[in-house]
Amino acid sequence: MEDLGNLIDLYAQWHAHLLPYYSFEQFVEKVESLGASKRVR
């Protein structure tokens, strides 16, 4: 469970540096949609 918390903290830090004007939920949705695109696959 501690590893999951560390991973979420890492994503939160990434969010703060990459897209600080998005809410964390918006950031997660954006990352999920980009990760599912053919361009990334």
PDB file of N, CA and C in Angstrom:
ATOM      1  N   MET A   1       0.820  -1.188   0.000  1.00  0.00           N
ATOM      2  CA  MET A   1       0.000   0.000   0.000  1.00  0.00           C
ATOM      3  C   MET A   1       0.871   1.262   0.000  1.00  0.00           C
ATOM      4  N   GLU A   2       2.015   1.159   0.648  1.00  0.00           N
ATOM      5  CA  GLU A   2       2.927   2.301   0.691  1.00  0.00           C
ATOM      6  C   GLU A   2       3.449   2.637  -0.704  1.00  0.00           C
ATOM      7  N   ASP A   3       3.698   1.603  -1.507  1.00  0.00           N
ATOM      8  CA  ASP A   3       4.175   1.824  -2.875  1.00  0.00           C
ATOM      9  C   ASP A   3       3.144   2.587  -3.702  1.00  0.00           C
ATOM     10  N   LEU A   4       1.874   2.275  -3.499  1.00  0.00           N
ATOM     11  CA  LEU A   4       0.814   2.976  -4.221  1.00  0.00           C
ATOM     12  C   LEU A   4       0.798   4.448  -3.829  1.00  0.00           C
ATOM     13  N   GLY A   5       0.945   4.721  -2.555  1.00  0.00           N
ATOM     14  CA  GLY A   5       1.007   6.107  -2.089  1.00  0.00           C
ATOM     15  C   GLY A   5       2.184   6.850  -2.693  1.00  0.00           C
ATOM     16  N   ASN A   6       3.325   6.174  -2.783  1.00  0.00           N
ATOM     17  CA  ASN A   6       4.511   6.787  -3.394  1.00  0.00           C
ATOM     18  C   ASN A   6       4.279   7.075  -4.870  1.00  0.00           C
ATOM     19  N   LEU A   7       3.612   6.160  -5.561  1.00  0.00           N
ATOM     20  CA  LEU A   7       3.319   6.356  -6.977  1.00  0.00           C
ATOM     21  C   LEU A   7       2.371   7.535  -7.179  1.00  0.00           C
ATOM     22  N   ILE A   8       1.357   7.630  -6.352  1.00  0.00           N
ATOM     23  CA  ILE A   8       0.413   8.746  -6.454  1.00  0.00           C
ATOM     24  C   ILE A   8       1.125  10.064  -6.164  1.00  0.00           C
ATOM     25  N   ASP A   9       2.015  10.077  -5.178  1.00  0.00           N
ATOM     26  CA  ASP A   9       2.800  11.284  -4.889  1.00  0.00           C
ATOM     27  C   ASP A   9       3.656  11.680  -6.086  1.00  0.00           C
ATOM     28  N   LEU A  10       4.234  10.697  -6.749  1.00  0.00           N
ATOM     29  CA  LEU A  10       5.050  10.963  -7.929  1.00  0.00           C
ATOM     30  C   LEU A  10       4.209  11.594  -9.040  1.00  0.00           C
ATOM     31  N   TYR A  11       3.015  11.054  -9.270  1.00  0.00           N
ATOM     32  CA  TYR A  11       2.118  11.632 -10.275  1.00  0.00           C
ATOM     33  C   TYR A  11       1.697  13.043  -9.886  1.00  0.00           C
ATOM     34  N   ALA A  12       1.469  13.280  -8.603  1.00  0.00           N
ATOM     35  CA  ALA A  12       1.082  14.614  -8.137  1.00  0.00           C
ATOM     36  C   ALA A  12       2.206  15.618  -8.382  1.00  0.00           C
ATOM     37  N   GLN A  13       3.443  15.217  -8.161  1.00  0.00           N
ATOM     38  CA  GLN A  13       4.581  16.099  -8.424  1.00  0.00           C
ATOM     39  C   GLN A  13       4.722  16.362  -9.922  1.00  0.00           C
ATOM     40  N   TRP A  14       4.542  15.319 -10.725  1.00  0.00           N
ATOM     41  CA  TRP A  14       4.605  15.460 -12.179  1.00  0.00           C
ATOM     42  C   TRP A  14       3.533  16.442 -12.648  1.00  0.00           C
ATOM     43  N   HIS A  15       2.334  16.297 -12.102  1.00  0.00           N
ATOM     44  CA  HIS A  15       1.221  17.182 -12.426  1.00  0.00           C
ATOM     45  C   HIS A  15       1.572  18.626 -12.089  1.00  0.00           C
ATOM     46  N   ALA A  16       2.140  18.858 -10.911  1.00  0.00           N
ATOM     47  CA  ALA A  16       2.460  20.216 -10.469  1.00  0.00           C
ATOM     48  C   ALA A  16       3.478  20.893 -11.386  1.00  0.00           C
ATOM     49  N   HIS A  17       4.370  20.121 -11.969  1.00  0.00           N
ATOM     50  CA  HIS A  17       5.385  20.686 -12.856  1.00  0.00           C
ATOM     51  C   HIS A  17       4.914  20.790 -14.301  1.00  0.00           C
ATOM     52  N   LEU A  18       4.105  19.849 -14.735  1.00  0.00           N
ATOM     53  CA  LEU A  18       3.722  19.781 -16.141  1.00  0.00           C
ATOM     54  C   LEU A  18       2.506  20.649 -16.471  1.00  0.00           C
ATOM     55  N   LEU A  19       1.431  20.489 -15.730  1.00  0.00           N
ATOM     56  CA  LEU A  19       0.186  21.219 -15.996  1.00  0.00           C
ATOM     57  C   LEU A  19      -0.417  21.722 -14.685  1.00  0.00           C
ATOM     58  N   PRO A  20       0.199  22.698 -14.030  1.00  0.00           N
ATOM     59  CA  PRO A  20      -0.289  23.138 -12.720  1.00  0.00           C
ATOM     60  C   PRO A  20      -1.655  23.822 -12.771  1.00  0.00           C
ATOM     61  N   TYR A  21      -2.074  24.282 -13.944  1.00  0.00           N
ATOM     62  CA  TYR A  21      -3.353  24.969 -14.073  1.00  0.00           C
ATOM     63  C   TYR A  21      -4.517  23.998 -14.236  1.00  0.00           C
ATOM     64  N   TYR A  22      -4.255  22.712 -14.384  1.00  0.00           N
ATOM     65  CA  TYR A  22      -5.298  21.683 -14.408  1.00  0.00           C
ATOM     66  C   TYR A  22      -5.497  21.164 -12.996  1.00  0.00           C
ATOM     67  N   SER A  23      -6.713  20.736 -12.690  1.00  0.00           N
ATOM     68  CA  SER A  23      -6.908  20.012 -11.436  1.00  0.00           C
ATOM     69  C   SER A  23      -6.243  18.645 -11.600  1.00  0.00           C
ATOM     70  N   PHE A  24      -5.993  17.962 -10.495  1.00  0.00           N
ATOM     71  CA  PHE A  24      -5.342  16.653 -10.591  1.00  0.00           C
ATOM     72  C   PHE A  24      -6.215  15.686 -11.379  1.00  0.00           C
ATOM     73  N   GLU A  25      -7.538  15.766 -11.195  1.00  0.00           N
ATOM     74  CA  GLU A  25      -8.454  14.886 -11.941  1.00  0.00           C
ATOM     75  C   GLU A  25      -8.367  15.160 -13.438  1.00  0.00           C
ATOM     76  N   GLN A  26      -8.312  16.426 -13.822  1.00  0.00           N
ATOM     77  CA  GLN A  26      -8.185  16.766 -15.241  1.00  0.00           C
ATOM     78  C   GLN A  26      -6.865  16.249 -15.800  1.00  0.00           C
ATOM     79  N   PHE A  27      -5.818  16.363 -15.014  1.00  0.00           N
ATOM     80  CA  PHE A  27      -4.502  15.882 -15.418  1.00  0.00           C
ATOM     81  C   PHE A  27      -4.534  14.379 -15.670  1.00  0.00           C
ATOM     82  N   VAL A  28      -5.145  13.633 -14.754  1.00  0.00           N
ATOM     83  CA  VAL A  28      -5.225  12.177 -14.897  1.00  0.00           C
ATOM     84  C   VAL A  28      -6.014  11.815 -16.150  1.00  0.00           C
ATOM     85  N   GLU A  29      -7.128  12.498 -16.383  1.00  0.00           N
ATOM     86  CA  GLU A  29      -7.926  12.233 -17.579  1.00  0.00           C
ATOM     87  C   GLU A  29      -7.116  12.512 -18.849  1.00  0.00           C
ATOM     88  N   LYS A  30      -6.361  13.606 -18.851  1.00  0.00           N
ATOM     89  CA  LYS A  30      -5.550  13.964 -20.016  1.00  0.00           C
ATOM     90  C   LYS A  30      -4.466  12.913 -20.267  1.00  0.00           C
ATOM     91  N   VAL A  31      -3.797  12.486 -19.214  1.00  0.00           N
ATOM     92  CA  VAL A  31      -2.748  11.472 -19.352  1.00  0.00           C
ATOM     93  C   VAL A  31      -3.335  10.155 -19.843  1.00  0.00           C
ATOM     94  N   GLU A  32      -4.502   9.774 -19.317  1.00  0.00           N
ATOM     95  CA  GLU A  32      -5.150   8.538 -19.764  1.00  0.00           C
ATOM     96  C   GLU A  32      -5.519   8.622 -21.236  1.00  0.00           C
ATOM     97  N   SER A  33      -6.069   9.756 -21.665  1.00  0.00           N
ATOM     98  CA  SER A  33      -6.477   9.872 -23.069  1.00  0.00           C
ATOM     99  C   SER A  33      -5.258   9.889 -23.992  1.00  0.00           C
ATOM    100  N   LEU A  34      -4.191  10.557 -23.585  1.00  0.00           N
ATOM    101  CA  LEU A  34      -2.982  10.563 -24.408  1.00  0.00           C
ATOM    102  C   LEU A  34      -2.332   9.187 -24.446  1.00  0.00           C
ATOM    103  N   GLY A  35      -2.363   8.483 -23.339  1.00  0.00           N
ATOM    104  CA  GLY A  35      -1.778   7.146 -23.281  1.00  0.00           C
ATOM    105  C   GLY A  35      -2.527   6.143 -24.137  1.00  0.00           C
ATOM    106  N   ALA A  36      -3.796   6.406 -24.387  1.00  0.00           N
ATOM    107  CA  ALA A  36      -4.610   5.493 -25.185  1.00  0.00           C
ATOM    108  C   ALA A  36      -4.543   5.815 -26.682  1.00  0.00           C
ATOM    109  N   SER A  37      -3.904   6.925 -27.031  1.00  0.00           N
ATOM    110  CA  SER A  37      -3.862   7.313 -28.442  1.00  0.00           C
ATOM    111  C   SER A  37      -2.874   6.447 -29.222  1.00  0.00           C
ATOM    112  N   LYS A  38      -3.118   6.328 -30.506  1.00  0.00           N
ATOM    113  CA  LYS A  38      -2.244   5.527 -31.373  1.00  0.00           C
ATOM    114  C   LYS A  38      -0.849   6.132 -31.457  1.00  0.00           C
ATOM    115  N   ARG A  39      -0.765   7.430 -31.317  1.00  0.00           N
ATOM    116  CA  ARG A  39       0.515   8.117 -31.421  1.00  0.00           C
ATOM    117  C   ARG A  39       1.478   7.674 -30.317  1.00  0.00           C
ATOM    118  N   VAL A  40       0.962   7.404 -29.132  1.00  0.00           N
ATOM    119  CA  VAL A  40       1.795   6.994 -28.001  1.00  0.00           C
ATOM    120  C   VAL A  40       2.061   5.503 -28.041  1.00  0.00           C
ATOM    121  N   ARG A  41       1.093   4.732 -28.467  1.00  0.00           N
ATOM    122  CA  ARG A  41       1.249   3.281 -28.510  1.00  0.00           C
ATOM    123  C   ARG A  41       2.297   2.943 -29.501  1.00  0.00           C
TER     124      ARG A  41
END
